[in-house]
Amino acid sequence: MDNKTNVIQASEAIVGEVTAVITQDREQQKVTLVAKDGKTYSALISKYNFGQKNAHQMQELAIGDVIEVMAELSTLSSGADNKSQITVRAMPYVLRKIIVADHQEDCMGVEPQSFLLTKIAGQTNSQTGWEYRYSGIEGFDYEPHYEYTLLIKNTTVANPPADASSIHSKLIKIIEKKRTIE
């Protein structure tokens, strides 16, 4: 059995959905990605592979995220089995479905303020997993007593101010808006 590895630079961006998160830490992550054309890739996303120009683009991914990546493609051929792996060089955006809670929490930042509570859509327990959202979502107007499911586009900010988020979120669409208090 003859194993052969071919490495090519992807000429176009690969856009696909994250179907599994295999490993993840602050420096790198490995995920399974199903591209729009149906091909499945094992994607290695590491700050070290991004280079200085794109290092700010690394975002922590979750199952269901749709991402665009520029990558180097490796195909390991061994008989009838072909495995495609991509080494990510840039990740311009992440599309993510999130849930916004029907209430805000008061917190202390530079000054007292209220923050949205959000979590990734699809989490099984509706009462846990909420995180404070310290930055807004461009184009989204929050109303209390409504729980929202949103599709947002996250892009990274190259040099954010010290007190600002490194991720800029923009509303793509409101998937669901339901009243929780009558």
Protein backbone atom coordinates (compact mmCIF):
# COMPACT_ATOMS: atom_id res chain seq x y z
CA MET A 1 0.00 0.00 0.00
CA ASP A 2 1.51 3.28 -1.12
CA ASN A 3 0.68 6.40 0.93
CA LYS A 4 0.99 9.70 -0.87
CA THR A 5 0.38 13.20 0.45
CA ASN A 6 -0.45 16.06 -1.88
CA VAL A 7 -0.32 19.64 -0.59
CA ILE A 8 -1.91 22.50 -2.53
CA GLN A 9 -2.73 26.09 -1.66
CA ALA A 10 -6.49 26.62 -1.85
CA SER A 11 -7.07 29.26 -4.53
CA GLU A 12 -10.48 30.19 -3.18
CA ALA A 13 -11.88 30.40 0.30
CA ILE A 14 -13.48 27.28 1.72
CA VAL A 15 -16.85 28.01 3.30
CA GLY A 16 -18.41 25.36 5.47
CA GLU A 17 -20.12 24.37 8.70
CA VAL A 18 -18.31 23.14 11.78
CA THR A 19 -19.73 19.68 12.54
CA ALA A 20 -17.33 18.63 15.32
CA VAL A 21 -14.83 20.29 17.63
CA ILE A 22 -12.06 17.76 18.19
CA THR A 23 -9.64 19.81 20.31
CA GLN A 24 -9.60 23.42 21.41
CA ASP A 25 -7.44 25.73 23.49
CA ARG A 26 -6.27 29.37 23.34
CA GLU A 27 -3.55 28.67 20.77
CA GLN A 28 -5.12 26.15 18.43
CA GLN A 29 -8.16 24.08 17.63
CA LYS A 30 -8.97 21.17 15.39
CA VAL A 31 -12.46 20.90 13.92
CA THR A 32 -14.35 18.94 11.29
CA LEU A 33 -15.71 21.17 8.54
CA VAL A 34 -18.27 20.26 5.87
CA ALA A 35 -17.90 22.58 2.90
CA LYS A 36 -20.75 23.86 0.74
CA ASP A 37 -19.83 21.29 -1.94
CA GLY A 38 -20.30 18.45 0.58
CA LYS A 39 -16.61 17.64 1.10
CA THR A 40 -15.49 16.99 4.66
CA TYR A 41 -12.21 18.40 5.97
CA SER A 42 -10.25 18.10 9.16
CA ALA A 43 -9.23 21.72 9.81
CA LEU A 44 -6.24 22.71 11.95
CA ILE A 45 -6.61 26.30 13.12
CA SER A 46 -3.56 27.63 14.95
CA LYS A 47 -2.40 31.18 15.65
CA TYR A 48 1.05 30.07 14.52
CA ASN A 49 -0.23 29.23 11.03
CA PHE A 50 -2.06 32.52 10.60
CA GLY A 51 1.10 34.60 10.44
CA GLN A 52 1.41 38.13 11.74
CA LYS A 53 -1.00 39.60 9.16
CA ASN A 54 -3.94 37.37 10.14
CA ALA A 55 -3.12 36.37 13.75
CA HIS A 56 -5.98 38.48 15.14
CA GLN A 57 -8.56 36.47 13.15
CA MET A 58 -8.58 33.31 15.27
CA GLN A 59 -11.94 32.81 16.98
CA GLU A 60 -13.08 29.97 19.22
CA LEU A 61 -15.44 27.84 17.16
CA ALA A 62 -18.53 25.84 18.09
CA ILE A 63 -20.59 23.17 16.35
CA GLY A 64 -22.96 24.84 13.89
CA ASP A 65 -20.70 27.82 13.12
CA VAL A 66 -20.31 28.60 9.44
CA ILE A 67 -16.81 29.82 8.65
CA GLU A 68 -14.81 31.08 5.74
CA VAL A 69 -11.17 30.00 5.69
CA MET A 70 -8.18 30.47 3.45
CA ALA A 71 -6.09 27.33 3.80
CA GLU A 72 -3.47 24.95 2.58
CA LEU A 73 -5.06 21.65 1.60
CA SER A 74 -3.36 18.28 2.21
CA THR A 75 -4.85 15.07 0.87
CA LEU A 76 -3.56 11.75 2.17
CA SER A 77 -4.25 9.07 -0.41
CA SER A 78 -4.01 5.42 0.59
CA GLY A 79 -5.87 3.11 -1.73
CA ALA A 80 -9.56 4.02 -1.96
CA ASP A 81 -9.46 6.15 1.20
CA ASN A 82 -8.78 9.88 0.75
CA LYS A 83 -8.57 12.14 3.80
CA SER A 84 -8.48 15.89 3.34
CA GLN A 85 -6.92 18.13 5.93
CA ILE A 86 -6.64 21.89 5.77
CA THR A 87 -4.21 24.10 7.61
CA VAL A 88 -5.95 27.43 8.08
CA ARG A 89 -4.05 30.60 7.17
CA ALA A 90 -6.89 33.12 7.55
CA MET A 91 -10.45 33.10 8.92
CA PRO A 92 -12.18 36.33 7.84
CA TYR A 93 -15.54 35.64 9.50
CA VAL A 94 -17.70 33.27 11.53
CA LEU A 95 -21.50 33.06 11.20
CA ARG A 96 -23.01 31.94 14.49
CA LYS A 97 -26.52 31.29 15.78
CA ILE A 98 -26.93 32.65 19.29
CA ILE A 99 -29.72 32.98 21.81
CA VAL A 100 -30.19 36.28 23.65
CA ALA A 101 -31.90 35.99 27.05
CA ASP A 102 -35.12 37.83 27.83
CA HIS A 103 -33.41 39.95 30.49
CA GLN A 104 -30.13 41.73 31.06
CA GLU A 105 -27.77 41.51 34.04
CA ASP A 106 -26.38 44.47 35.91
CA CYS A 107 -22.60 44.38 36.07
CA MET A 108 -19.75 46.62 37.00
CA GLY A 109 -17.35 47.57 34.23
CA VAL A 110 -15.76 50.97 33.96
CA GLU A 111 -19.11 52.10 35.33
CA PRO A 112 -22.30 50.23 36.29
CA GLN A 113 -24.13 48.97 33.20
CA SER A 114 -26.39 46.20 31.90
CA PHE A 115 -25.13 43.40 29.71
CA LEU A 116 -26.91 40.99 27.39
CA LEU A 117 -26.83 37.32 28.31
CA THR A 118 -26.11 35.10 25.31
CA LYS A 119 -25.26 31.52 24.48
CA ILE A 120 -24.68 29.48 21.39
CA ALA A 121 -27.94 28.17 19.91
CA GLY A 122 -28.43 24.44 20.23
CA GLN A 123 -27.17 24.07 23.79
CA THR A 124 -29.44 21.56 25.47
CA ASN A 125 -30.02 23.10 28.90
CA SER A 126 -31.90 26.37 28.56
CA GLN A 127 -31.03 27.51 32.10
CA THR A 128 -27.23 27.16 31.92
CA GLY A 129 -24.45 28.23 29.60
CA TRP A 130 -25.30 31.94 29.61
CA GLU A 131 -22.38 34.35 29.16
CA TYR A 132 -22.17 38.10 29.55
CA ARG A 133 -21.90 39.91 26.23
CA TYR A 134 -19.70 42.93 26.81
CA SER A 135 -20.06 44.35 23.30
CA GLY A 136 -23.16 45.09 21.28
CA ILE A 137 -24.43 43.56 18.07
CA GLU A 138 -24.56 46.03 15.20
CA GLY A 139 -28.12 46.33 13.87
CA PHE A 140 -29.77 44.59 16.85
CA ASP A 141 -32.22 46.46 19.08
CA TYR A 142 -32.85 44.51 22.28
CA GLU A 143 -36.30 44.54 23.91
CA PRO A 144 -36.75 43.11 27.43
CA HIS A 145 -39.11 40.15 27.93
CA TYR A 146 -38.25 38.67 24.52
CA GLU A 147 -35.87 35.80 23.91
CA TYR A 148 -34.15 36.00 20.55
CA THR A 149 -32.42 33.53 18.28
CA LEU A 150 -30.07 35.48 16.03
CA LEU A 151 -27.71 34.79 13.18
CA ILE A 152 -24.70 37.06 13.59
CA LYS A 153 -21.51 37.58 11.64
CA ASN A 154 -18.39 37.82 13.80
CA THR A 155 -15.31 39.46 12.33
CA THR A 156 -12.17 40.17 14.25
CA VAL A 157 -10.83 43.63 14.98
CA ALA A 158 -7.11 43.92 14.25
CA ASN A 159 -6.15 46.42 16.97
CA PRO A 160 -9.06 46.94 19.37
CA PRO A 161 -8.83 49.52 22.15
CA ALA A 162 -7.80 48.04 25.52
CA ASP A 163 -11.36 48.26 26.88
CA ALA A 164 -13.11 46.92 23.76
CA SER A 165 -13.85 43.49 22.32
CA SER A 166 -11.61 41.99 19.65
CA ILE A 167 -14.75 40.62 17.91
CA HIS A 168 -17.20 42.81 15.99
CA SER A 169 -20.68 41.28 15.70
CA LYS A 170 -23.23 42.27 13.10
CA LEU A 171 -26.83 41.06 12.93
CA ILE A 172 -27.53 39.04 9.79
CA LYS A 173 -31.11 38.14 10.73
CA ILE A 174 -33.47 37.53 13.61
CA ILE A 175 -34.41 33.86 13.33
CA GLU A 176 -36.91 33.91 16.19
CA LYS A 177 -38.30 36.45 18.66
CA LYS A 178 -40.58 35.10 21.36
CA ARG A 179 -42.24 36.87 24.26
CA THR A 180 -41.51 35.26 27.63
CA ILE A 181 -43.70 37.37 29.95
CA GLU A 182 -47.37 38.01 29.28
